[in-house]
Amino acid sequence: MEYICELCGRKIVRSRYLVRIASYAPYDGLEIGLLDLTRNFEKEIKNLLKKIQNKRGKKMEKDICVGFEFILCKKCRDNYIKNPLGKKRVKRGRKRISRKRNP
């Protein structure tokens, strides 16, 4: 089987790498406080149902979880793991603090 790097477009001769990315809304657990006990949940559920009534299933699904898979060559994979977010790196020098000597 022949593989092509999805980043650089070159034919992969030897090692190929599968990169998986998952983005999802995490569940932080359920904490019930005093204010929660006084809330009108029936009203909140009705409002939530009104909001999602017009949204399509795929759109709602993407709001919760979406995943991607890419096949990369070794060079592109090595570059990817060095900087997975593709952010420009900023060199930060150490600040020098000048201290006055007491005479």
PDB file of N, CA and C in Angstrom:
ATOM      1  N   MET A   1       0.850  -1.180   0.000  1.00  0.00           N
ATOM      2  CA  MET A   1       0.000   0.000   0.000  1.00  0.00           C
ATOM      3  C   MET A   1       0.892   1.238   0.000  1.00  0.00           C
ATOM      4  N   GLU A   2       0.478   2.237  -0.746  1.00  0.00           N
ATOM      5  CA  GLU A   2       1.261   3.468  -0.857  1.00  0.00           C
ATOM      6  C   GLU A   2       0.635   4.554   0.007  1.00  0.00           C
ATOM      7  N   TYR A   3       1.493   5.271   0.737  1.00  0.00           N
ATOM      8  CA  TYR A   3       1.018   6.348   1.609  1.00  0.00           C
ATOM      9  C   TYR A   3       1.648   7.667   1.194  1.00  0.00           C
ATOM     10  N   ILE A   4       0.878   8.721   1.339  1.00  0.00           N
ATOM     11  CA  ILE A   4       1.327  10.071   1.036  1.00  0.00           C
ATOM     12  C   ILE A   4       1.203  10.898   2.316  1.00  0.00           C
ATOM     13  N   CYS A   5       2.244  11.663   2.640  1.00  0.00           N
ATOM     14  CA  CYS A   5       2.199  12.538   3.817  1.00  0.00           C
ATOM     15  C   CYS A   5       1.147  13.614   3.586  1.00  0.00           C
ATOM     16  N   GLU A   6       0.234  13.738   4.524  1.00  0.00           N
ATOM     17  CA  GLU A   6      -0.859  14.702   4.366  1.00  0.00           C
ATOM     18  C   GLU A   6      -0.425  16.131   4.652  1.00  0.00           C
ATOM     19  N   LEU A   7       0.824  16.315   5.086  1.00  0.00           N
ATOM     20  CA  LEU A   7       1.317  17.662   5.343  1.00  0.00           C
ATOM     21  C   LEU A   7       2.185  18.163   4.190  1.00  0.00           C
ATOM     22  N   CYS A   8       3.187  17.385   3.803  1.00  0.00           N
ATOM     23  CA  CYS A   8       4.094  17.842   2.741  1.00  0.00           C
ATOM     24  C   CYS A   8       3.743  17.263   1.368  1.00  0.00           C
ATOM     25  N   GLY A   9       2.923  16.210   1.319  1.00  0.00           N
ATOM     26  CA  GLY A   9       2.499  15.632   0.052  1.00  0.00           C
ATOM     27  C   GLY A   9       3.474  14.648  -0.561  1.00  0.00           C
ATOM     28  N   ARG A  10       4.573  14.358   0.127  1.00  0.00           N
ATOM     29  CA  ARG A  10       5.545  13.410  -0.407  1.00  0.00           C
ATOM     30  C   ARG A  10       5.119  11.966  -0.149  1.00  0.00           C
ATOM     31  N   LYS A  11       5.596  11.095  -1.028  1.00  0.00           N
ATOM     32  CA  LYS A  11       5.355   9.665  -0.872  1.00  0.00           C
ATOM     33  C   LYS A  11       6.150   9.179   0.343  1.00  0.00           C
ATOM     34  N   ILE A  12       5.511   8.367   1.185  1.00  0.00           N
ATOM     35  CA  ILE A  12       6.168   7.843   2.375  1.00  0.00           C
ATOM     36  C   ILE A  12       6.788   6.504   2.006  1.00  0.00           C
ATOM     37  N   VAL A  13       8.123   6.455   2.099  1.00  0.00           N
ATOM     38  CA  VAL A  13       8.851   5.264   1.702  1.00  0.00           C
ATOM     39  C   VAL A  13       9.014   4.304   2.877  1.00  0.00           C
ATOM     40  N   ARG A  14       9.416   4.822   4.023  1.00  0.00           N
ATOM     41  CA  ARG A  14       9.693   3.945   5.160  1.00  0.00           C
ATOM     42  C   ARG A  14       8.643   4.082   6.244  1.00  0.00           C
ATOM     43  N   SER A  15       8.951   4.906   7.206  1.00  0.00           N
ATOM     44  CA  SER A  15       8.086   5.018   8.390  1.00  0.00           C
ATOM     45  C   SER A  15       6.971   6.015   8.169  1.00  0.00           C
ATOM     46  N   ARG A  16       5.783   5.614   8.530  1.00  0.00           N
ATOM     47  CA  ARG A  16       4.646   6.540   8.513  1.00  0.00           C
ATOM     48  C   ARG A  16       4.134   6.679   9.936  1.00  0.00           C
ATOM     49  N   TYR A  17       3.510   7.810  10.210  1.00  0.00           N
ATOM     50  CA  TYR A  17       3.008   8.086  11.557  1.00  0.00           C
ATOM     51  C   TYR A  17       1.561   8.542  11.464  1.00  0.00           C
ATOM     52  N   LEU A  18       0.750   8.021  12.354  1.00  0.00           N
ATOM     53  CA  LEU A  18      -0.645   8.403  12.430  1.00  0.00           C
ATOM     54  C   LEU A  18      -0.789   9.390  13.588  1.00  0.00           C
ATOM     55  N   VAL A  19      -1.269  10.569  13.279  1.00  0.00           N
ATOM     56  CA  VAL A  19      -1.483  11.596  14.290  1.00  0.00           C
ATOM     57  C   VAL A  19      -2.985  11.739  14.480  1.00  0.00           C
ATOM     58  N   ARG A  20      -3.430  11.579  15.717  1.00  0.00           N
ATOM     59  CA  ARG A  20      -4.848  11.730  16.044  1.00  0.00           C
ATOM     60  C   ARG A  20      -5.026  12.958  16.922  1.00  0.00           C
ATOM     61  N   ILE A  21      -6.034  13.736  16.581  1.00  0.00           N
ATOM     62  CA  ILE A  21      -6.354  14.930  17.361  1.00  0.00           C
ATOM     63  C   ILE A  21      -7.809  14.827  17.774  1.00  0.00           C
ATOM     64  N   ALA A  22      -8.065  15.024  19.049  1.00  0.00           N
ATOM     65  CA  ALA A  22      -9.443  14.997  19.556  1.00  0.00           C
ATOM     66  C   ALA A  22      -9.694  16.282  20.321  1.00  0.00           C
ATOM     67  N   SER A  23     -10.795  16.915  20.022  1.00  0.00           N
ATOM     68  CA  SER A  23     -11.197  18.123  20.727  1.00  0.00           C
ATOM     69  C   SER A  23     -12.591  17.874  21.284  1.00  0.00           C
ATOM     70  N   TYR A  24     -12.721  17.995  22.597  1.00  0.00           N
ATOM     71  CA  TYR A  24     -14.016  17.715  23.204  1.00  0.00           C
ATOM     72  C   TYR A  24     -14.224  18.555  24.448  1.00  0.00           C
ATOM     73  N   ALA A  25     -15.469  18.734  24.784  1.00  0.00           N
ATOM     74  CA  ALA A  25     -15.838  19.463  25.991  1.00  0.00           C
ATOM     75  C   ALA A  25     -15.702  18.505  27.172  1.00  0.00           C
ATOM     76  N   PRO A  26     -14.803  18.797  28.103  1.00  0.00           N
ATOM     77  CA  PRO A  26     -14.601  17.873  29.223  1.00  0.00           C
ATOM     78  C   PRO A  26     -15.723  17.953  30.258  1.00  0.00           C
ATOM     79  N   TYR A  27     -15.907  16.860  30.943  1.00  0.00           N
ATOM     80  CA  TYR A  27     -16.882  16.808  32.019  1.00  0.00           C
ATOM     81  C   TYR A  27     -16.135  17.079  33.319  1.00  0.00           C
ATOM     82  N   ASP A  28     -16.517  18.130  34.012  1.00  0.00           N
ATOM     83  CA  ASP A  28     -15.822  18.534  35.223  1.00  0.00           C
ATOM     84  C   ASP A  28     -16.432  17.950  36.493  1.00  0.00           C
ATOM     85  N   GLY A  29     -17.391  17.122  36.339  1.00  0.00           N
ATOM     86  CA  GLY A  29     -18.011  16.533  37.521  1.00  0.00           C
ATOM     87  C   GLY A  29     -19.232  17.329  37.940  1.00  0.00           C
ATOM     88  N   LEU A  30     -19.926  16.786  38.859  1.00  0.00           N
ATOM     89  CA  LEU A  30     -21.153  17.408  39.330  1.00  0.00           C
ATOM     90  C   LEU A  30     -20.985  17.838  40.781  1.00  0.00           C
ATOM     91  N   GLU A  31     -21.047  19.127  40.981  1.00  0.00           N
ATOM     92  CA  GLU A  31     -20.991  19.660  42.340  1.00  0.00           C
ATOM     93  C   GLU A  31     -22.302  20.381  42.601  1.00  0.00           C
ATOM     94  N   ILE A  32     -22.976  19.999  43.641  1.00  0.00           N
ATOM     95  CA  ILE A  32     -24.258  20.605  43.968  1.00  0.00           C
ATOM     96  C   ILE A  32     -24.075  21.480  45.195  1.00  0.00           C
ATOM     97  N   GLY A  33     -24.406  22.750  45.009  1.00  0.00           N
ATOM     98  CA  GLY A  33     -24.314  23.696  46.111  1.00  0.00           C
ATOM     99  C   GLY A  33     -25.696  24.174  46.523  1.00  0.00           C
ATOM    100  N   LEU A  34     -25.732  25.049  47.499  1.00  0.00           N
ATOM    101  CA  LEU A  34     -26.993  25.576  48.016  1.00  0.00           C
ATOM    102  C   LEU A  34     -27.780  26.306  46.935  1.00  0.00           C
ATOM    103  N   LEU A  35     -27.086  27.074  46.082  1.00  0.00           N
ATOM    104  CA  LEU A  35     -27.775  27.804  45.007  1.00  0.00           C
ATOM    105  C   LEU A  35     -28.408  26.850  43.999  1.00  0.00           C
ATOM    106  N   ASP A  36     -27.763  25.714  43.772  1.00  0.00           N
ATOM    107  CA  ASP A  36     -28.317  24.728  42.833  1.00  0.00           C
ATOM    108  C   ASP A  36     -29.655  24.184  43.318  1.00  0.00           C
ATOM    109  N   LEU A  37     -29.807  24.064  44.603  1.00  0.00           N
ATOM    110  CA  LEU A  37     -31.043  23.508  45.155  1.00  0.00           C
ATOM    111  C   LEU A  37     -32.225  24.458  45.017  1.00  0.00           C
ATOM    112  N   THR A  38     -31.946  25.738  44.793  1.00  0.00           N
ATOM    113  CA  THR A  38     -33.027  26.724  44.677  1.00  0.00           C
ATOM    114  C   THR A  38     -33.330  27.092  43.225  1.00  0.00           C
ATOM    115  N   ARG A  39     -32.568  26.553  42.264  1.00  0.00           N
ATOM    116  CA  ARG A  39     -32.773  26.879  40.855  1.00  0.00           C
ATOM    117  C   ARG A  39     -34.014  26.187  40.302  1.00  0.00           C
ATOM    118  N   ASN A  40     -34.603  26.812  39.278  1.00  0.00           N
ATOM    119  CA  ASN A  40     -35.764  26.252  38.592  1.00  0.00           C
ATOM    120  C   ASN A  40     -35.273  25.429  37.399  1.00  0.00           C
ATOM    121  N   PHE A  41     -35.004  24.144  37.639  1.00  0.00           N
ATOM    122  CA  PHE A  41     -34.450  23.292  36.599  1.00  0.00           C
ATOM    123  C   PHE A  41     -35.429  23.048  35.462  1.00  0.00           C
ATOM    124  N   GLU A  42     -36.694  22.998  35.765  1.00  0.00           N
ATOM    125  CA  GLU A  42     -37.689  22.764  34.721  1.00  0.00           C
ATOM    126  C   GLU A  42     -37.637  23.885  33.691  1.00  0.00           C
ATOM    127  N   LYS A  43     -37.541  25.114  34.151  1.00  0.00           N
ATOM    128  CA  LYS A  43     -37.456  26.270  33.256  1.00  0.00           C
ATOM    129  C   LYS A  43     -36.147  26.226  32.457  1.00  0.00           C
ATOM    130  N   GLU A  44     -35.046  25.883  33.101  1.00  0.00           N
ATOM    131  CA  GLU A  44     -33.756  25.819  32.420  1.00  0.00           C
ATOM    132  C   GLU A  44     -33.742  24.744  31.343  1.00  0.00           C
ATOM    133  N   ILE A  45     -34.346  23.607  31.619  1.00  0.00           N
ATOM    134  CA  ILE A  45     -34.402  22.519  30.635  1.00  0.00           C
ATOM    135  C   ILE A  45     -35.255  22.931  29.443  1.00  0.00           C
ATOM    136  N   LYS A  46     -36.380  23.596  29.692  1.00  0.00           N
ATOM    137  CA  LYS A  46     -37.233  24.071  28.591  1.00  0.00           C
ATOM    138  C   LYS A  46     -36.475  25.063  27.718  1.00  0.00           C
ATOM    139  N   ASN A  47     -35.731  25.985  28.349  1.00  0.00           N
ATOM    140  CA  ASN A  47     -34.940  26.957  27.587  1.00  0.00           C
ATOM    141  C   ASN A  47     -33.853  26.270  26.765  1.00  0.00           C
ATOM    142  N   LEU A  48     -33.216  25.280  27.335  1.00  0.00           N
ATOM    143  CA  LEU A  48     -32.177  24.539  26.625  1.00  0.00           C
ATOM    144  C   LEU A  48     -32.760  23.784  25.435  1.00  0.00           C
ATOM    145  N   LEU A  49     -33.912  23.170  25.624  1.00  0.00           N
ATOM    146  CA  LEU A  49     -34.568  22.449  24.524  1.00  0.00           C
ATOM    147  C   LEU A  49     -34.952  23.398  23.396  1.00  0.00           C
ATOM    148  N   LYS A  50     -35.369  24.615  23.728  1.00  0.00           N
ATOM    149  CA  LYS A  50     -35.690  25.611  22.697  1.00  0.00           C
ATOM    150  C   LYS A  50     -34.439  25.978  21.904  1.00  0.00           C
ATOM    151  N   LYS A  51     -33.312  26.118  22.593  1.00  0.00           N
ATOM    152  CA  LYS A  51     -32.062  26.491  21.924  1.00  0.00           C
ATOM    153  C   LYS A  51     -31.601  25.411  20.948  1.00  0.00           C
ATOM    154  N   ILE A  52     -31.699  24.155  21.357  1.00  0.00           N
ATOM    155  CA  ILE A  52     -31.167  23.089  20.510  1.00  0.00           C
ATOM    156  C   ILE A  52     -32.176  22.565  19.494  1.00  0.00           C
ATOM    157  N   GLN A  53     -33.415  22.997  19.593  1.00  0.00           N
ATOM    158  CA  GLN A  53     -34.469  22.505  18.704  1.00  0.00           C
ATOM    159  C   GLN A  53     -34.133  22.769  17.240  1.00  0.00           C
ATOM    160  N   ASN A  54     -33.567  23.919  16.935  1.00  0.00           N
ATOM    161  CA  ASN A  54     -33.298  24.285  15.549  1.00  0.00           C
ATOM    162  C   ASN A  54     -31.910  23.856  15.064  1.00  0.00           C
ATOM    163  N   LYS A  55     -31.085  23.311  15.936  1.00  0.00           N
ATOM    164  CA  LYS A  55     -29.744  22.886  15.529  1.00  0.00           C
ATOM    165  C   LYS A  55     -29.806  21.469  14.983  1.00  0.00           C
ATOM    166  N   ARG A  56     -28.985  21.234  13.963  1.00  0.00           N
ATOM    167  CA  ARG A  56     -28.893  19.895  13.394  1.00  0.00           C
ATOM    168  C   ARG A  56     -27.976  19.034  14.254  1.00  0.00           C
ATOM    169  N   GLY A  57     -28.157  17.731  14.170  1.00  0.00           N
ATOM    170  CA  GLY A  57     -27.400  16.784  14.979  1.00  0.00           C
ATOM    171  C   GLY A  57     -25.899  16.875  14.791  1.00  0.00           C
ATOM    172  N   LYS A  58     -25.432  16.984  13.538  1.00  0.00           N
ATOM    173  CA  LYS A  58     -23.994  17.051  13.266  1.00  0.00           C
ATOM    174  C   LYS A  58     -23.378  18.313  13.852  1.00  0.00           C
ATOM    175  N   LYS A  59     -24.098  19.424  13.790  1.00  0.00           N
ATOM    176  CA  LYS A  59     -23.602  20.684  14.340  1.00  0.00           C
ATOM    177  C   LYS A  59     -23.449  20.565  15.851  1.00  0.00           C
ATOM    178  N   MET A  60     -24.444  19.988  16.506  1.00  0.00           N
ATOM    179  CA  MET A  60     -24.366  19.815  17.956  1.00  0.00           C
ATOM    180  C   MET A  60     -23.243  18.855  18.320  1.00  0.00           C
ATOM    181  N   GLU A  61     -23.081  17.822  17.524  1.00  0.00           N
ATOM    182  CA  GLU A  61     -22.029  16.849  17.781  1.00  0.00           C
ATOM    183  C   GLU A  61     -20.658  17.509  17.707  1.00  0.00           C
ATOM    184  N   LYS A  62     -20.459  18.369  16.694  1.00  0.00           N
ATOM    185  CA  LYS A  62     -19.179  19.070  16.546  1.00  0.00           C
ATOM    186  C   LYS A  62     -18.921  20.035  17.696  1.00  0.00           C
ATOM    187  N   ASP A  63     -19.972  20.576  18.278  1.00  0.00           N
ATOM    188  CA  ASP A  63     -19.801  21.466  19.431  1.00  0.00           C
ATOM    189  C   ASP A  63     -19.295  20.689  20.643  1.00  0.00           C
ATOM    190  N   ILE A  64     -19.575  19.400  20.683  1.00  0.00           N
ATOM    191  CA  ILE A  64     -19.193  18.586  21.834  1.00  0.00           C
ATOM    192  C   ILE A  64     -17.877  17.857  21.594  1.00  0.00           C
ATOM    193  N   CYS A  65     -17.740  17.205  20.432  1.00  0.00           N
ATOM    194  CA  CYS A  65     -16.550  16.398  20.171  1.00  0.00           C
ATOM    195  C   CYS A  65     -16.267  16.323  18.675  1.00  0.00           C
ATOM    196  N   VAL A  66     -15.000  16.502  18.325  1.00  0.00           N
ATOM    197  CA  VAL A  66     -14.586  16.349  16.932  1.00  0.00           C
ATOM    198  C   VAL A  66     -13.169  15.764  16.931  1.00  0.00           C
ATOM    199  N   GLY A  67     -12.889  14.905  15.958  1.00  0.00           N
ATOM    200  CA  GLY A  67     -11.584  14.279  15.889  1.00  0.00           C
ATOM    201  C   GLY A  67     -11.044  14.255  14.470  1.00  0.00           C
ATOM    202  N   PHE A  68      -9.724  14.189  14.369  1.00  0.00           N
ATOM    203  CA  PHE A  68      -9.050  14.154  13.079  1.00  0.00           C
ATOM    204  C   PHE A  68      -7.945  13.108  13.123  1.00  0.00           C
ATOM    205  N   GLU A  69      -7.610  12.555  11.971  1.00  0.00           N
ATOM    206  CA  GLU A  69      -6.477  11.641  11.836  1.00  0.00           C
ATOM    207  C   GLU A  69      -5.690  12.045  10.596  1.00  0.00           C
ATOM    208  N   PHE A  70      -4.364  12.058  10.745  1.00  0.00           N
ATOM    209  CA  PHE A  70      -3.490  12.416   9.641  1.00  0.00           C
ATOM    210  C   PHE A  70      -2.347  11.417   9.558  1.00  0.00           C
ATOM    211  N   ILE A  71      -1.940  11.085   8.349  1.00  0.00           N
ATOM    212  CA  ILE A  71      -0.756  10.262   8.138  1.00  0.00           C
ATOM    213  C   ILE A  71       0.372  11.205   7.754  1.00  0.00           C
ATOM    214  N   LEU A  72       1.477  11.118   8.497  1.00  0.00           N
ATOM    215  CA  LEU A  72       2.617  11.993   8.266  1.00  0.00           C
ATOM    216  C   LEU A  72       3.887  11.187   8.043  1.00  0.00           C
ATOM    217  N   CYS A  73       4.817  11.783   7.297  1.00  0.00           N
ATOM    218  CA  CYS A  73       6.145  11.192   7.157  1.00  0.00           C
ATOM    219  C   CYS A  73       6.931  11.514   8.432  1.00  0.00           C
ATOM    220  N   LYS A  74       8.094  10.904   8.589  1.00  0.00           N
ATOM    221  CA  LYS A  74       8.875  11.091   9.810  1.00  0.00           C
ATOM    222  C   LYS A  74       9.274  12.551  10.013  1.00  0.00           C
ATOM    223  N   LYS A  75       9.711  13.218   8.957  1.00  0.00           N
ATOM    224  CA  LYS A  75      10.155  14.611   9.074  1.00  0.00           C
ATOM    225  C   LYS A  75       9.006  15.520   9.535  1.00  0.00           C
ATOM    226  N   CYS A  76       7.851  15.377   8.910  1.00  0.00           N
ATOM    227  CA  CYS A  76       6.701  16.205   9.291  1.00  0.00           C
ATOM    228  C   CYS A  76       6.208  15.857  10.695  1.00  0.00           C
ATOM    229  N   ARG A  77       6.248  14.588  11.044  1.00  0.00           N
ATOM    230  CA  ARG A  77       5.842  14.170  12.389  1.00  0.00           C
ATOM    231  C   ARG A  77       6.778  14.747  13.443  1.00  0.00           C
ATOM    232  N   ASP A  78       8.099  14.711  13.168  1.00  0.00           N
ATOM    233  CA  ASP A  78       9.072  15.273  14.114  1.00  0.00           C
ATOM    234  C   ASP A  78       8.862  16.773  14.296  1.00  0.00           C
ATOM    235  N   ASN A  79       8.591  17.478  13.200  1.00  0.00           N
ATOM    236  CA  ASN A  79       8.310  18.916  13.292  1.00  0.00           C
ATOM    237  C   ASN A  79       7.004  19.175  14.040  1.00  0.00           C
ATOM    238  N   TYR A  80       6.026  18.325  13.813  1.00  0.00           N
ATOM    239  CA  TYR A  80       4.729  18.486  14.469  1.00  0.00           C
ATOM    240  C   TYR A  80       4.848  18.331  15.990  1.00  0.00           C
ATOM    241  N   ILE A  81       5.568  17.309  16.434  1.00  0.00           N
ATOM    242  CA  ILE A  81       5.642  17.090  17.883  1.00  0.00           C
ATOM    243  C   ILE A  81       6.497  18.137  18.582  1.00  0.00           C
ATOM    244  N   LYS A  82       7.348  18.845  17.850  1.00  0.00           N
ATOM    245  CA  LYS A  82       8.130  19.939  18.440  1.00  0.00           C
ATOM    246  C   LYS A  82       7.243  21.149  18.719  1.00  0.00           C
ATOM    247  N   ASN A  83       6.231  21.342  17.872  1.00  0.00           N
ATOM    248  CA  ASN A  83       5.382  22.522  17.995  1.00  0.00           C
ATOM    249  C   ASN A  83       3.971  22.182  17.496  1.00  0.00           C
ATOM    250  N   PRO A  84       3.209  21.378  18.262  1.00  0.00           N
ATOM    251  CA  PRO A  84       1.915  20.894  17.774  1.00  0.00           C
ATOM    252  C   PRO A  84       0.879  21.988  17.512  1.00  0.00           C
ATOM    253  N   LEU A  85       0.991  23.122  18.166  1.00  0.00           N
ATOM    254  CA  LEU A  85       0.014  24.185  17.937  1.00  0.00           C
ATOM    255  C   LEU A  85       0.448  25.147  16.833  1.00  0.00           C
ATOM    256  N   GLY A  86       1.648  24.956  16.315  1.00  0.00           N
ATOM    257  CA  GLY A  86       2.120  25.807  15.226  1.00  0.00           C
ATOM    258  C   GLY A  86       2.333  27.249  15.636  1.00  0.00           C
ATOM    259  N   LYS A  87       2.579  27.473  16.915  1.00  0.00           N
ATOM    260  CA  LYS A  87       2.763  28.835  17.400  1.00  0.00           C
ATOM    261  C   LYS A  87       4.172  29.320  17.104  1.00  0.00           C
ATOM    262  N   LYS A  88       4.278  30.589  16.803  1.00  0.00           N
ATOM    263  CA  LYS A  88       5.579  31.195  16.585  1.00  0.00           C
ATOM    264  C   LYS A  88       6.296  31.251  17.924  1.00  0.00           C
ATOM    265  N   ARG A  89       7.491  30.749  17.929  1.00  0.00           N
ATOM    266  CA  ARG A  89       8.244  30.723  19.180  1.00  0.00           C
ATOM    267  C   ARG A  89       8.929  32.056  19.407  1.00  0.00           C
ATOM    268  N   VAL A  90       8.842  32.526  20.634  1.00  0.00           N
ATOM    269  CA  VAL A  90       9.434  33.805  21.005  1.00  0.00           C
ATOM    270  C   VAL A  90      10.573  33.525  21.964  1.00  0.00           C
ATOM    271  N   LYS A  91      11.750  34.043  21.603  1.00  0.00           N
ATOM    272  CA  LYS A  91      12.884  33.891  22.514  1.00  0.00           C
ATOM    273  C   LYS A  91      12.758  34.922  23.613  1.00  0.00           C
ATOM    274  N   ARG A  92      12.847  34.450  24.807  1.00  0.00           N
ATOM    275  CA  ARG A  92      12.744  35.345  25.946  1.00  0.00           C
ATOM    276  C   ARG A  92      14.063  35.330  26.687  1.00  0.00           C
ATOM    277  N   GLY A  93      14.700  36.463  26.690  1.00  0.00           N
ATOM    278  CA  GLY A  93      15.965  36.573  27.397  1.00  0.00           C
ATOM    279  C   GLY A  93      15.733  36.820  28.869  1.00  0.00           C
ATOM    280  N   ARG A  94      16.738  36.567  29.627  1.00  0.00           N
ATOM    281  CA  ARG A  94      16.636  36.809  31.057  1.00  0.00           C
ATOM    282  C   ARG A  94      16.879  38.279  31.320  1.00  0.00           C
ATOM    283  N   LYS A  95      16.048  38.860  32.142  1.00  0.00           N
ATOM    284  CA  LYS A  95      16.213  40.268  32.487  1.00  0.00           C
ATOM    285  C   LYS A  95      17.389  40.406  33.436  1.00  0.00           C
ATOM    286  N   ARG A  96      18.169  41.404  33.162  1.00  0.00           N
ATOM    287  CA  ARG A  96      19.282  41.681  34.057  1.00  0.00           C
ATOM    288  C   ARG A  96      18.854  42.800  34.992  1.00  0.00           C
ATOM    289  N   ILE A  97      19.057  42.577  36.230  1.00  0.00           N
ATOM    290  CA  ILE A  97      18.695  43.580  37.227  1.00  0.00           C
ATOM    291  C   ILE A  97      19.988  44.202  37.724  1.00  0.00           C
ATOM    292  N   SER A  98      20.080  45.502  37.486  1.00  0.00           N
ATOM    293  CA  SER A  98      21.286  46.177  37.964  1.00  0.00           C
ATOM    294  C   SER A  98      21.080  46.576  39.411  1.00  0.00           C
ATOM    295  N   ARG A  99      22.045  46.287  40.184  1.00  0.00           N
ATOM    296  CA  ARG A  99      21.966  46.621  41.610  1.00  0.00           C
ATOM    297  C   ARG A  99      23.023  47.647  41.929  1.00  0.00           C
ATOM    298  N   LYS A 100      22.580  48.681  42.592  1.00  0.00           N
ATOM    299  CA  LYS A 100      23.516  49.720  42.987  1.00  0.00           C
ATOM    300  C   LYS A 100      24.256  49.266  44.241  1.00  0.00           C
ATOM    301  N   ARG A 101      25.533  49.544  44.227  1.00  0.00           N
ATOM    302  CA  ARG A 101      26.306  49.218  45.404  1.00  0.00           C
ATOM    303  C   ARG A 101      26.317  50.401  46.348  1.00  0.00           C
ATOM    304  N   ASN A 102      26.208  50.102  47.601  1.00  0.00           N
ATOM    305  CA  ASN A 102      26.278  51.175  48.591  1.00  0.00           C
ATOM    306  C   ASN A 102      27.729  51.620  48.740  1.00  0.00           C
ATOM    307  N   PRO A 103      27.957  52.949  48.706  1.00  0.00           N
ATOM    308  CA  PRO A 103      29.341  53.439  48.825  1.00  0.00           C
ATOM    309  C   PRO A 103      29.923  53.289  50.205  1.00  0.00           C
TER     310      PRO A 103
END
